């Protein structure tokens, strides 16, 4: 049977905010790259995956605060 396990190290809010700022800088870099050389889909894929992991971190943080 699967056991419910708690994360030993829940995400830190400061780290998640830092990740969000870094993601925004990545978005700016993608925009500048797109203006100069055209759209590159790898940028979009990387930024979408990164944002999904940040959102999941906020979900885990919220769950850790509730319990």
N, C-alpha and C. Protein backbone atom coordinates (compact mmCIF):
# COMPACT_ATOMS: atom_id res chain seq x y z
N UNK A 1 0.83 -1.19 0.00
CA UNK A 1 0.00 0.00 0.00
C UNK A 1 0.87 1.24 0.00
N UNK A 2 0.40 2.21 -0.69
CA UNK A 2 1.13 3.48 -0.75
C UNK A 2 0.89 4.27 0.53
N UNK A 3 1.96 4.79 1.05
CA UNK A 3 1.86 5.60 2.25
C UNK A 3 1.88 7.07 1.87
N UNK A 4 1.17 7.86 2.67
CA UNK A 4 1.26 9.30 2.49
C UNK A 4 2.56 9.77 3.12
N UNK A 5 3.34 10.43 2.33
CA UNK A 5 4.61 10.94 2.86
C UNK A 5 4.60 12.45 2.82
N UNK A 6 5.20 13.03 3.81
CA UNK A 6 5.34 14.48 3.85
C UNK A 6 6.72 14.85 3.33
N UNK A 7 6.79 15.97 2.69
CA UNK A 7 8.07 16.47 2.22
C UNK A 7 8.89 16.89 3.43
N UNK A 8 10.12 16.39 3.48
CA UNK A 8 10.98 16.77 4.60
C UNK A 8 11.36 18.24 4.53
N UNK A 9 11.55 18.72 3.33
CA UNK A 9 11.93 20.12 3.13
C UNK A 9 10.89 20.79 2.25
N UNK A 10 9.85 21.35 2.85
CA UNK A 10 8.86 22.03 2.00
C UNK A 10 9.50 23.23 1.31
N UNK A 11 8.93 23.64 0.17
CA UNK A 11 9.52 24.77 -0.55
C UNK A 11 9.55 26.04 0.31
N UNK A 12 10.54 26.83 0.07
CA UNK A 12 10.71 28.08 0.78
C UNK A 12 10.12 29.20 -0.10
N UNK A 13 9.34 30.09 0.49
CA UNK A 13 8.71 31.16 -0.26
C UNK A 13 9.74 32.05 -0.94
N UNK A 14 10.82 32.35 -0.27
CA UNK A 14 11.86 33.21 -0.86
C UNK A 14 12.46 32.55 -2.10
N UNK A 15 12.68 31.25 -2.04
CA UNK A 15 13.23 30.53 -3.18
C UNK A 15 12.25 30.54 -4.36
N UNK A 16 10.96 30.37 -4.07
CA UNK A 16 9.96 30.38 -5.13
C UNK A 16 9.84 31.76 -5.78
N UNK A 17 9.95 32.80 -4.98
CA UNK A 17 9.92 34.17 -5.52
C UNK A 17 11.16 34.40 -6.39
N UNK A 18 12.30 33.94 -5.94
CA UNK A 18 13.53 34.06 -6.73
C UNK A 18 13.38 33.32 -8.06
N UNK A 19 12.78 32.15 -8.04
CA UNK A 19 12.54 31.40 -9.27
C UNK A 19 11.61 32.17 -10.21
N UNK A 20 10.61 32.81 -9.64
CA UNK A 20 9.66 33.58 -10.45
C UNK A 20 10.36 34.77 -11.11
N UNK A 21 11.26 35.43 -10.38
CA UNK A 21 12.02 36.55 -10.95
C UNK A 21 12.95 36.05 -12.05
N UNK A 22 13.59 34.92 -11.81
CA UNK A 22 14.48 34.35 -12.83
C UNK A 22 13.67 33.95 -14.07
N UNK A 23 12.46 33.43 -13.86
CA UNK A 23 11.60 33.07 -15.00
C UNK A 23 11.24 34.32 -15.80
N UNK A 24 10.94 35.41 -15.11
CA UNK A 24 10.61 36.66 -15.80
C UNK A 24 11.80 37.14 -16.63
N UNK A 25 13.01 36.99 -16.10
CA UNK A 25 14.20 37.36 -16.87
C UNK A 25 14.35 36.46 -18.09
N UNK A 26 14.02 35.18 -17.93
CA UNK A 26 14.04 34.27 -19.07
C UNK A 26 13.03 34.68 -20.13
N UNK A 27 11.88 35.16 -19.69
CA UNK A 27 10.86 35.64 -20.62
C UNK A 27 11.36 36.87 -21.39
N UNK A 28 12.04 37.76 -20.68
CA UNK A 28 12.62 38.94 -21.34
C UNK A 28 13.68 38.50 -22.36
N UNK A 29 14.51 37.54 -21.97
CA UNK A 29 15.54 37.04 -22.89
C UNK A 29 14.89 36.41 -24.12
N UNK A 30 13.80 35.65 -23.92
CA UNK A 30 13.10 35.05 -25.05
C UNK A 30 12.54 36.12 -25.97
N UNK A 31 11.98 37.17 -25.38
CA UNK A 31 11.42 38.26 -26.18
C UNK A 31 12.49 38.95 -27.01
N UNK A 32 13.63 39.23 -26.39
CA UNK A 32 14.73 39.87 -27.12
C UNK A 32 15.26 38.97 -28.22
N UNK A 33 15.35 37.68 -27.94
CA UNK A 33 15.80 36.71 -28.93
C UNK A 33 14.82 36.65 -30.10
N UNK A 34 13.53 36.68 -29.78
CA UNK A 34 12.49 36.63 -30.81
C UNK A 34 12.52 37.87 -31.70
N UNK A 35 12.75 39.01 -31.10
CA UNK A 35 12.82 40.26 -31.88
C UNK A 35 14.01 40.20 -32.85
N UNK A 36 15.12 39.65 -32.37
CA UNK A 36 16.34 39.63 -33.17
C UNK A 36 16.34 38.51 -34.22
N UNK A 37 15.94 37.29 -33.82
CA UNK A 37 16.12 36.12 -34.70
C UNK A 37 14.84 35.37 -35.03
N UNK A 38 13.74 35.76 -34.47
CA UNK A 38 12.50 35.03 -34.72
C UNK A 38 12.18 34.05 -33.60
N UNK A 39 10.99 33.51 -33.65
CA UNK A 39 10.49 32.64 -32.59
C UNK A 39 11.21 31.30 -32.58
N UNK A 40 11.61 30.86 -31.43
CA UNK A 40 12.28 29.58 -31.25
C UNK A 40 11.46 28.78 -30.23
N UNK A 41 10.87 27.69 -30.66
CA UNK A 41 9.94 26.95 -29.81
C UNK A 41 10.58 26.31 -28.58
N UNK A 42 11.89 26.07 -28.61
CA UNK A 42 12.54 25.49 -27.43
C UNK A 42 12.46 26.43 -26.25
N UNK A 43 12.52 27.76 -26.50
CA UNK A 43 12.39 28.74 -25.43
C UNK A 43 11.02 28.60 -24.76
N UNK A 44 9.99 28.50 -25.60
CA UNK A 44 8.64 28.40 -25.07
C UNK A 44 8.48 27.13 -24.24
N UNK A 45 8.98 26.02 -24.75
CA UNK A 45 8.90 24.75 -24.02
C UNK A 45 9.62 24.80 -22.69
N UNK A 46 10.82 25.37 -22.69
CA UNK A 46 11.58 25.47 -21.44
C UNK A 46 10.89 26.37 -20.42
N UNK A 47 10.39 27.52 -20.88
CA UNK A 47 9.73 28.44 -19.96
C UNK A 47 8.41 27.87 -19.43
N UNK A 48 7.67 27.16 -20.27
CA UNK A 48 6.41 26.55 -19.81
C UNK A 48 6.70 25.47 -18.76
N UNK A 49 7.69 24.62 -19.02
CA UNK A 49 8.06 23.59 -18.05
C UNK A 49 8.56 24.18 -16.74
N UNK A 50 9.36 25.21 -16.84
CA UNK A 50 9.89 25.88 -15.65
C UNK A 50 8.76 26.50 -14.84
N UNK A 51 7.83 27.18 -15.52
CA UNK A 51 6.70 27.81 -14.82
C UNK A 51 5.84 26.75 -14.15
N UNK A 52 5.65 25.61 -14.81
CA UNK A 52 4.86 24.53 -14.20
C UNK A 52 5.52 24.04 -12.92
N UNK A 53 6.84 23.93 -12.90
CA UNK A 53 7.52 23.48 -11.68
C UNK A 53 7.42 24.52 -10.57
N UNK A 54 7.42 25.80 -10.93
CA UNK A 54 7.27 26.87 -9.94
C UNK A 54 5.86 26.82 -9.34
N UNK A 55 4.85 26.66 -10.21
CA UNK A 55 3.47 26.58 -9.73
C UNK A 55 3.31 25.38 -8.80
N UNK A 56 3.91 24.24 -9.18
CA UNK A 56 3.84 23.05 -8.33
C UNK A 56 4.51 23.32 -6.98
N UNK A 57 5.58 24.09 -6.97
CA UNK A 57 6.22 24.46 -5.71
C UNK A 57 5.30 25.28 -4.83
N UNK A 58 4.56 26.22 -5.43
CA UNK A 58 3.60 27.01 -4.66
C UNK A 58 2.47 26.12 -4.12
N UNK A 59 2.04 25.13 -4.91
CA UNK A 59 1.01 24.20 -4.44
C UNK A 59 1.53 23.40 -3.25
N UNK A 60 2.76 22.90 -3.35
CA UNK A 60 3.34 22.14 -2.23
C UNK A 60 3.51 23.02 -1.00
N UNK A 61 3.90 24.29 -1.21
CA UNK A 61 4.04 25.21 -0.08
C UNK A 61 2.70 25.43 0.60
N UNK A 62 1.67 25.63 -0.19
CA UNK A 62 0.32 25.83 0.37
C UNK A 62 -0.13 24.59 1.15
N UNK A 63 0.13 23.42 0.60
CA UNK A 63 -0.25 22.17 1.30
C UNK A 63 0.52 22.02 2.61
N UNK A 64 1.79 22.41 2.60
CA UNK A 64 2.60 22.29 3.81
C UNK A 64 2.12 23.25 4.89
N UNK A 65 1.61 24.43 4.47
CA UNK A 65 1.12 25.40 5.44
C UNK A 65 -0.23 24.97 6.04
N UNK A 66 -1.04 24.26 5.25
CA UNK A 66 -2.35 23.83 5.73
C UNK A 66 -2.22 22.72 6.77
N UNK A 67 -1.30 21.77 6.52
CA UNK A 67 -1.16 20.64 7.45
C UNK A 67 -0.21 20.91 8.55
